Amino acid sequence: MMPLAMMKAGETNVIKRIGGKEETKKFLESLGFVPGSNVIVISHIGGNVIVNVKESRVAVSKEMAMKIMV
């Protein structure tokens, strides 16, 4: 298991768990980051991670990406 922020562009993986405070977990779940979902890293730009999750393209900060374990 590793943080989403450590994945390279083009890699696909499955979300294993979400860490952090309860409000952080709820926010990430509202964006589609739920355990069992597939996630594809599109690119890393300026400290942000651009990903495809649940048929949507989403940008999350590196700090948030470190809380998403794949």
PDB file of N, CA and C in Angstrom:
ATOM      1  N   MET A   1       0.847  -1.175   0.000  1.00  0.00           N
ATOM      2  CA  MET A   1       0.000   0.000   0.000  1.00  0.00           C
ATOM      3  C   MET A   1       0.895   1.241   0.000  1.00  0.00           C
ATOM      4  N   MET A   2       0.480   2.257  -0.774  1.00  0.00           N
ATOM      5  CA  MET A   2       1.245   3.503  -0.852  1.00  0.00           C
ATOM      6  C   MET A   2       0.288   4.671  -1.048  1.00  0.00           C
ATOM      7  N   PRO A   3       0.738   5.907  -0.758  1.00  0.00           N
ATOM      8  CA  PRO A   3      -0.121   7.070  -0.977  1.00  0.00           C
ATOM      9  C   PRO A   3      -0.323   7.332  -2.470  1.00  0.00           C
ATOM     10  N   LEU A   4      -1.472   7.858  -2.818  1.00  0.00           N
ATOM     11  CA  LEU A   4      -1.797   8.222  -4.196  1.00  0.00           C
ATOM     12  C   LEU A   4      -0.743   9.170  -4.777  1.00  0.00           C
ATOM     13  N   ALA A   5      -0.201  10.048  -3.951  1.00  0.00           N
ATOM     14  CA  ALA A   5       0.794  11.026  -4.414  1.00  0.00           C
ATOM     15  C   ALA A   5       2.055  10.368  -4.954  1.00  0.00           C
ATOM     16  N   MET A   6       2.325   9.120  -4.595  1.00  0.00           N
ATOM     17  CA  MET A   6       3.529   8.419  -5.033  1.00  0.00           C
ATOM     18  C   MET A   6       3.344   7.693  -6.372  1.00  0.00           C
ATOM     19  N   MET A   7       2.116   7.612  -6.866  1.00  0.00           N
ATOM     20  CA  MET A   7       1.880   6.949  -8.153  1.00  0.00           C
ATOM     21  C   MET A   7       2.418   7.804  -9.291  1.00  0.00           C
ATOM     22  N   LYS A   8       2.873   7.155 -10.353  1.00  0.00           N
ATOM     23  CA  LYS A   8       3.364   7.863 -11.534  1.00  0.00           C
ATOM     24  C   LYS A   8       2.209   8.115 -12.501  1.00  0.00           C
ATOM     25  N   ALA A   9       2.369   9.110 -13.363  1.00  0.00           N
ATOM     26  CA  ALA A   9       1.352   9.424 -14.368  1.00  0.00           C
ATOM     27  C   ALA A   9       1.112   8.198 -15.239  1.00  0.00           C
ATOM     28  N   GLY A  10      -0.169   7.912 -15.492  1.00  0.00           N
ATOM     29  CA  GLY A  10      -0.550   6.779 -16.322  1.00  0.00           C
ATOM     30  C   GLY A  10      -0.844   5.513 -15.540  1.00  0.00           C
ATOM     31  N   GLU A  11      -0.472   5.471 -14.263  1.00  0.00           N
ATOM     32  CA  GLU A  11      -0.723   4.276 -13.446  1.00  0.00           C
ATOM     33  C   GLU A  11      -2.178   4.207 -13.001  1.00  0.00           C
ATOM     34  N   THR A  12      -2.685   2.982 -12.930  1.00  0.00           N
ATOM     35  CA  THR A  12      -4.036   2.717 -12.423  1.00  0.00           C
ATOM     36  C   THR A  12      -3.903   1.893 -11.156  1.00  0.00           C
ATOM     37  N   ASN A  13      -4.742   2.174 -10.171  1.00  0.00           N
ATOM     38  CA  ASN A  13      -4.720   1.429  -8.931  1.00  0.00           C
ATOM     39  C   ASN A  13      -6.104   1.477  -8.306  1.00  0.00           C
ATOM     40  N   VAL A  14      -6.288   0.726  -7.233  1.00  0.00           N
ATOM     41  CA  VAL A  14      -7.557   0.693  -6.502  1.00  0.00           C
ATOM     42  C   VAL A  14      -7.352   1.355  -5.148  1.00  0.00           C
ATOM     43  N   ILE A  15      -8.288   2.216  -4.761  1.00  0.00           N
ATOM     44  CA  ILE A  15      -8.207   2.896  -3.462  1.00  0.00           C
ATOM     45  C   ILE A  15      -8.459   1.868  -2.362  1.00  0.00           C
ATOM     46  N   LYS A  16      -7.525   1.795  -1.405  1.00  0.00           N
ATOM     47  CA  LYS A  16      -7.636   0.837  -0.299  1.00  0.00           C
ATOM     48  C   LYS A  16      -8.288   1.474   0.928  1.00  0.00           C
ATOM     49  N   ARG A  17      -7.831   2.695   1.265  1.00  0.00           N
ATOM     50  CA  ARG A  17      -8.425   3.388   2.417  1.00  0.00           C
ATOM     51  C   ARG A  17      -8.121   4.880   2.334  1.00  0.00           C
ATOM     52  N   ILE A  18      -8.901   5.643   3.100  1.00  0.00           N
ATOM     53  CA  ILE A  18      -8.743   7.096   3.174  1.00  0.00           C
ATOM     54  C   ILE A  18      -8.378   7.432   4.610  1.00  0.00           C
ATOM     55  N   GLY A  19      -7.297   8.201   4.784  1.00  0.00           N
ATOM     56  CA  GLY A  19      -6.871   8.605   6.121  1.00  0.00           C
ATOM     57  C   GLY A  19      -7.273  10.046   6.410  1.00  0.00           C
ATOM     58  N   GLY A  20      -6.887  10.525   7.568  1.00  0.00           N
ATOM     59  CA  GLY A  20      -7.148  11.918   7.934  1.00  0.00           C
ATOM     60  C   GLY A  20      -8.354  12.076   8.842  1.00  0.00           C
ATOM     61  N   LYS A  21      -8.698  13.328   9.088  1.00  0.00           N
ATOM     62  CA  LYS A  21      -9.835  13.649   9.951  1.00  0.00           C
ATOM     63  C   LYS A  21     -11.141  13.271   9.262  1.00  0.00           C
ATOM     64  N   GLU A  22     -12.203  13.166  10.051  1.00  0.00           N
ATOM     65  CA  GLU A  22     -13.510  12.756   9.514  1.00  0.00           C
ATOM     66  C   GLU A  22     -13.997  13.712   8.425  1.00  0.00           C
ATOM     67  N   GLU A  23     -13.797  15.018   8.618  1.00  0.00           N
ATOM     68  CA  GLU A  23     -14.250  15.986   7.609  1.00  0.00           C
ATOM     69  C   GLU A  23     -13.464  15.838   6.304  1.00  0.00           C
ATOM     70  N   THR A  24     -12.177  15.494   6.417  1.00  0.00           N
ATOM     71  CA  THR A  24     -11.354  15.259   5.225  1.00  0.00           C
ATOM     72  C   THR A  24     -11.851  14.033   4.481  1.00  0.00           C
ATOM     73  N   LYS A  25     -12.152  12.963   5.215  1.00  0.00           N
ATOM     74  CA  LYS A  25     -12.664  11.739   4.601  1.00  0.00           C
ATOM     75  C   LYS A  25     -13.976  12.010   3.857  1.00  0.00           C
ATOM     76  N   LYS A  26     -14.874  12.754   4.500  1.00  0.00           N
ATOM     77  CA  LYS A  26     -16.171  13.067   3.876  1.00  0.00           C
ATOM     78  C   LYS A  26     -15.968  13.888   2.603  1.00  0.00           C
ATOM     79  N   PHE A  27     -15.064  14.858   2.647  1.00  0.00           N
ATOM     80  CA  PHE A  27     -14.795  15.689   1.473  1.00  0.00           C
ATOM     81  C   PHE A  27     -14.275  14.833   0.321  1.00  0.00           C
ATOM     82  N   LEU A  28     -13.301  13.967   0.602  1.00  0.00           N
ATOM     83  CA  LEU A  28     -12.736  13.116  -0.444  1.00  0.00           C
ATOM     84  C   LEU A  28     -13.777  12.135  -0.978  1.00  0.00           C
ATOM     85  N   GLU A  29     -14.629  11.603  -0.099  1.00  0.00           N
ATOM     86  CA  GLU A  29     -15.700  10.706  -0.549  1.00  0.00           C
ATOM     87  C   GLU A  29     -16.668  11.439  -1.470  1.00  0.00           C
ATOM     88  N   SER A  30     -16.939  12.706  -1.187  1.00  0.00           N
ATOM     89  CA  SER A  30     -17.854  13.481  -2.039  1.00  0.00           C
ATOM     90  C   SER A  30     -17.273  13.703  -3.435  1.00  0.00           C
ATOM     91  N   LEU A  31     -15.928  13.652  -3.546  1.00  0.00           N
ATOM     92  CA  LEU A  31     -15.272  13.787  -4.850  1.00  0.00           C
ATOM     93  C   LEU A  31     -15.178  12.452  -5.586  1.00  0.00           C
ATOM     94  N   GLY A  32     -15.533  11.348  -4.901  1.00  0.00           N
ATOM     95  CA  GLY A  32     -15.499  10.033  -5.528  1.00  0.00           C
ATOM     96  C   GLY A  32     -14.392   9.130  -5.042  1.00  0.00           C
ATOM     97  N   PHE A  33     -13.589   9.593  -4.085  1.00  0.00           N
ATOM     98  CA  PHE A  33     -12.496   8.780  -3.550  1.00  0.00           C
ATOM     99  C   PHE A  33     -13.033   7.874  -2.447  1.00  0.00           C
ATOM    100  N   VAL A  34     -13.518   6.705  -2.829  1.00  0.00           N
ATOM    101  CA  VAL A  34     -14.040   5.730  -1.872  1.00  0.00           C
ATOM    102  C   VAL A  34     -13.274   4.415  -2.037  1.00  0.00           C
ATOM    103  N   PRO A  35     -13.053   3.694  -0.935  1.00  0.00           N
ATOM    104  CA  PRO A  35     -12.340   2.414  -1.034  1.00  0.00           C
ATOM    105  C   PRO A  35     -13.014   1.484  -2.042  1.00  0.00           C
ATOM    106  N   GLY A  36     -12.186   0.842  -2.867  1.00  0.00           N
ATOM    107  CA  GLY A  36     -12.692  -0.059  -3.894  1.00  0.00           C
ATOM    108  C   GLY A  36     -12.798   0.580  -5.270  1.00  0.00           C
ATOM    109  N   SER A  37     -12.703   1.915  -5.334  1.00  0.00           N
ATOM    110  CA  SER A  37     -12.792   2.624  -6.620  1.00  0.00           C
ATOM    111  C   SER A  37     -11.454   2.592  -7.341  1.00  0.00           C
ATOM    112  N   ASN A  38     -11.506   2.532  -8.672  1.00  0.00           N
ATOM    113  CA  ASN A  38     -10.295   2.636  -9.483  1.00  0.00           C
ATOM    114  C   ASN A  38      -9.911   4.102  -9.599  1.00  0.00           C
ATOM    115  N   VAL A  39      -8.608   4.355  -9.615  1.00  0.00           N
ATOM    116  CA  VAL A  39      -8.108   5.718  -9.777  1.00  0.00           C
ATOM    117  C   VAL A  39      -6.933   5.674 -10.746  1.00  0.00           C
ATOM    118  N   ILE A  40      -6.903   6.624 -11.681  1.00  0.00           N
ATOM    119  CA  ILE A  40      -5.829   6.728 -12.667  1.00  0.00           C
ATOM    120  C   ILE A  40      -5.180   8.095 -12.503  1.00  0.00           C
ATOM    121  N   VAL A  41      -3.860   8.119 -12.340  1.00  0.00           N
ATOM    122  CA  VAL A  41      -3.138   9.390 -12.234  1.00  0.00           C
ATOM    123  C   VAL A  41      -2.895   9.915 -13.642  1.00  0.00           C
ATOM    124  N   ILE A  42      -3.368  11.137 -13.908  1.00  0.00           N
ATOM    125  CA  ILE A  42      -3.171  11.775 -15.209  1.00  0.00           C
ATOM    126  C   ILE A  42      -1.838  12.511 -15.219  1.00  0.00           C
ATOM    127  N   SER A  43      -1.603  13.359 -14.212  1.00  0.00           N
ATOM    128  CA  SER A  43      -0.344  14.089 -14.152  1.00  0.00           C
ATOM    129  C   SER A  43      -0.135  14.711 -12.775  1.00  0.00           C
ATOM    130  N   HIS A  44       1.083  15.191 -12.571  1.00  0.00           N
ATOM    131  CA  HIS A  44       1.456  15.947 -11.370  1.00  0.00           C
ATOM    132  C   HIS A  44       1.818  17.349 -11.859  1.00  0.00           C
ATOM    133  N   ILE A  45       1.070  18.353 -11.405  1.00  0.00           N
ATOM    134  CA  ILE A  45       1.319  19.729 -11.850  1.00  0.00           C
ATOM    135  C   ILE A  45       1.374  20.648 -10.631  1.00  0.00           C
ATOM    136  N   GLY A  46       2.507  21.302 -10.449  1.00  0.00           N
ATOM    137  CA  GLY A  46       2.651  22.303  -9.395  1.00  0.00           C
ATOM    138  C   GLY A  46       2.257  21.846  -8.010  1.00  0.00           C
ATOM    139  N   GLY A  47       2.587  20.622  -7.634  1.00  0.00           N
ATOM    140  CA  GLY A  47       2.243  20.124  -6.310  1.00  0.00           C
ATOM    141  C   GLY A  47       0.863  19.518  -6.225  1.00  0.00           C
ATOM    142  N   ASN A  48       0.088  19.585  -7.306  1.00  0.00           N
ATOM    143  CA  ASN A  48      -1.230  18.971  -7.336  1.00  0.00           C
ATOM    144  C   ASN A  48      -1.179  17.672  -8.136  1.00  0.00           C
ATOM    145  N   VAL A  49      -2.100  16.770  -7.820  1.00  0.00           N
ATOM    146  CA  VAL A  49      -2.198  15.504  -8.538  1.00  0.00           C
ATOM    147  C   VAL A  49      -3.528  15.505  -9.286  1.00  0.00           C
ATOM    148  N   ILE A  50      -3.469  15.325 -10.602  1.00  0.00           N
ATOM    149  CA  ILE A  50      -4.672  15.264 -11.431  1.00  0.00           C
ATOM    150  C   ILE A  50      -4.991  13.789 -11.646  1.00  0.00           C
ATOM    151  N   VAL A  51      -6.225  13.377 -11.290  1.00  0.00           N
ATOM    152  CA  VAL A  51      -6.598  11.968 -11.396  1.00  0.00           C
ATOM    153  C   VAL A  51      -7.971  11.816 -12.052  1.00  0.00           C
ATOM    154  N   ASN A  52      -8.204  10.629 -12.596  1.00  0.00           N
ATOM    155  CA  ASN A  52      -9.540  10.226 -13.037  1.00  0.00           C
ATOM    156  C   ASN A  52     -10.072   9.280 -11.982  1.00  0.00           C
ATOM    157  N   VAL A  53     -11.241   9.614 -11.432  1.00  0.00           N
ATOM    158  CA  VAL A  53     -11.891   8.743 -10.458  1.00  0.00           C
ATOM    159  C   VAL A  53     -13.389   8.811 -10.721  1.00  0.00           C
ATOM    160  N   LYS A  54     -14.024   7.669 -10.817  1.00  0.00           N
ATOM    161  CA  LYS A  54     -15.469   7.583 -11.076  1.00  0.00           C
ATOM    162  C   LYS A  54     -15.888   8.416 -12.285  1.00  0.00           C
ATOM    163  N   GLU A  55     -15.184   8.259 -13.388  1.00  0.00           N
ATOM    164  CA  GLU A  55     -15.505   8.943 -14.650  1.00  0.00           C
ATOM    165  C   GLU A  55     -15.370  10.464 -14.579  1.00  0.00           C
ATOM    166  N   SER A  56     -14.681  10.986 -13.565  1.00  0.00           N
ATOM    167  CA  SER A  56     -14.459  12.431 -13.445  1.00  0.00           C
ATOM    168  C   SER A  56     -12.975  12.710 -13.297  1.00  0.00           C
ATOM    169  N   ARG A  57     -12.560  13.859 -13.798  1.00  0.00           N
ATOM    170  CA  ARG A  57     -11.166  14.299 -13.627  1.00  0.00           C
ATOM    171  C   ARG A  57     -11.142  15.272 -12.459  1.00  0.00           C
ATOM    172  N   VAL A  58     -10.287  14.985 -11.478  1.00  0.00           N
ATOM    173  CA  VAL A  58     -10.240  15.763 -10.246  1.00  0.00           C
ATOM    174  C   VAL A  58      -8.788  16.109  -9.931  1.00  0.00           C
ATOM    175  N   ALA A  59      -8.558  17.329  -9.436  1.00  0.00           N
ATOM    176  CA  ALA A  59      -7.235  17.730  -8.958  1.00  0.00           C
ATOM    177  C   ALA A  59      -7.277  17.807  -7.439  1.00  0.00           C
ATOM    178  N   VAL A  60      -6.302  17.170  -6.802  1.00  0.00           N
ATOM    179  CA  VAL A  60      -6.189  17.250  -5.344  1.00  0.00           C
ATOM    180  C   VAL A  60      -4.770  17.680  -4.994  1.00  0.00           C
ATOM    181  N   SER A  61      -4.643  18.354  -3.868  1.00  0.00           N
ATOM    182  CA  SER A  61      -3.314  18.794  -3.433  1.00  0.00           C
ATOM    183  C   SER A  61      -2.482  17.576  -3.030  1.00  0.00           C
ATOM    184  N   LYS A  62      -1.186  17.768  -2.990  1.00  0.00           N
ATOM    185  CA  LYS A  62      -0.300  16.668  -2.597  1.00  0.00           C
ATOM    186  C   LYS A  62      -0.612  16.208  -1.184  1.00  0.00           C
ATOM    187  N   GLU A  63      -0.960  17.142  -0.280  1.00  0.00           N
ATOM    188  CA  GLU A  63      -1.298  16.761   1.102  1.00  0.00           C
ATOM    189  C   GLU A  63      -2.515  15.852   1.137  1.00  0.00           C
ATOM    190  N   MET A  64      -3.527  16.182   0.329  1.00  0.00           N
ATOM    191  CA  MET A  64      -4.729  15.336   0.272  1.00  0.00           C
ATOM    192  C   MET A  64      -4.378  13.990  -0.352  1.00  0.00           C
ATOM    193  N   ALA A  65      -3.564  14.006  -1.418  1.00  0.00           N
ATOM    194  CA  ALA A  65      -3.187  12.773  -2.100  1.00  0.00           C
ATOM    195  C   ALA A  65      -2.396  11.840  -1.182  1.00  0.00           C
ATOM    196  N   MET A  66      -1.710  12.396  -0.194  1.00  0.00           N
ATOM    197  CA  MET A  66      -0.953  11.571   0.757  1.00  0.00           C
ATOM    198  C   MET A  66      -1.882  10.831   1.707  1.00  0.00           C
ATOM    199  N   LYS A  67      -3.135  11.266   1.849  1.00  0.00           N
ATOM    200  CA  LYS A  67      -4.096  10.632   2.725  1.00  0.00           C
ATOM    201  C   LYS A  67      -4.869   9.505   2.027  1.00  0.00           C
ATOM    202  N   ILE A  68      -4.752   9.427   0.708  1.00  0.00           N
ATOM    203  CA  ILE A  68      -5.464   8.406  -0.071  1.00  0.00           C
ATOM    204  C   ILE A  68      -4.499   7.254  -0.331  1.00  0.00           C
ATOM    205  N   MET A  69      -4.772   6.095   0.271  1.00  0.00           N
ATOM    206  CA  MET A  69      -3.887   4.939   0.140  1.00  0.00           C
ATOM    207  C   MET A  69      -4.398   4.001  -0.949  1.00  0.00           C
ATOM    208  N   VAL A  70      -3.466   3.603  -1.827  1.00  0.00           N
ATOM    209  CA  VAL A  70      -3.804   2.680  -2.919  1.00  0.00           C
ATOM    210  C   VAL A  70      -2.956   1.421  -2.818  1.00  0.00           C
TER     211      VAL A  70
END
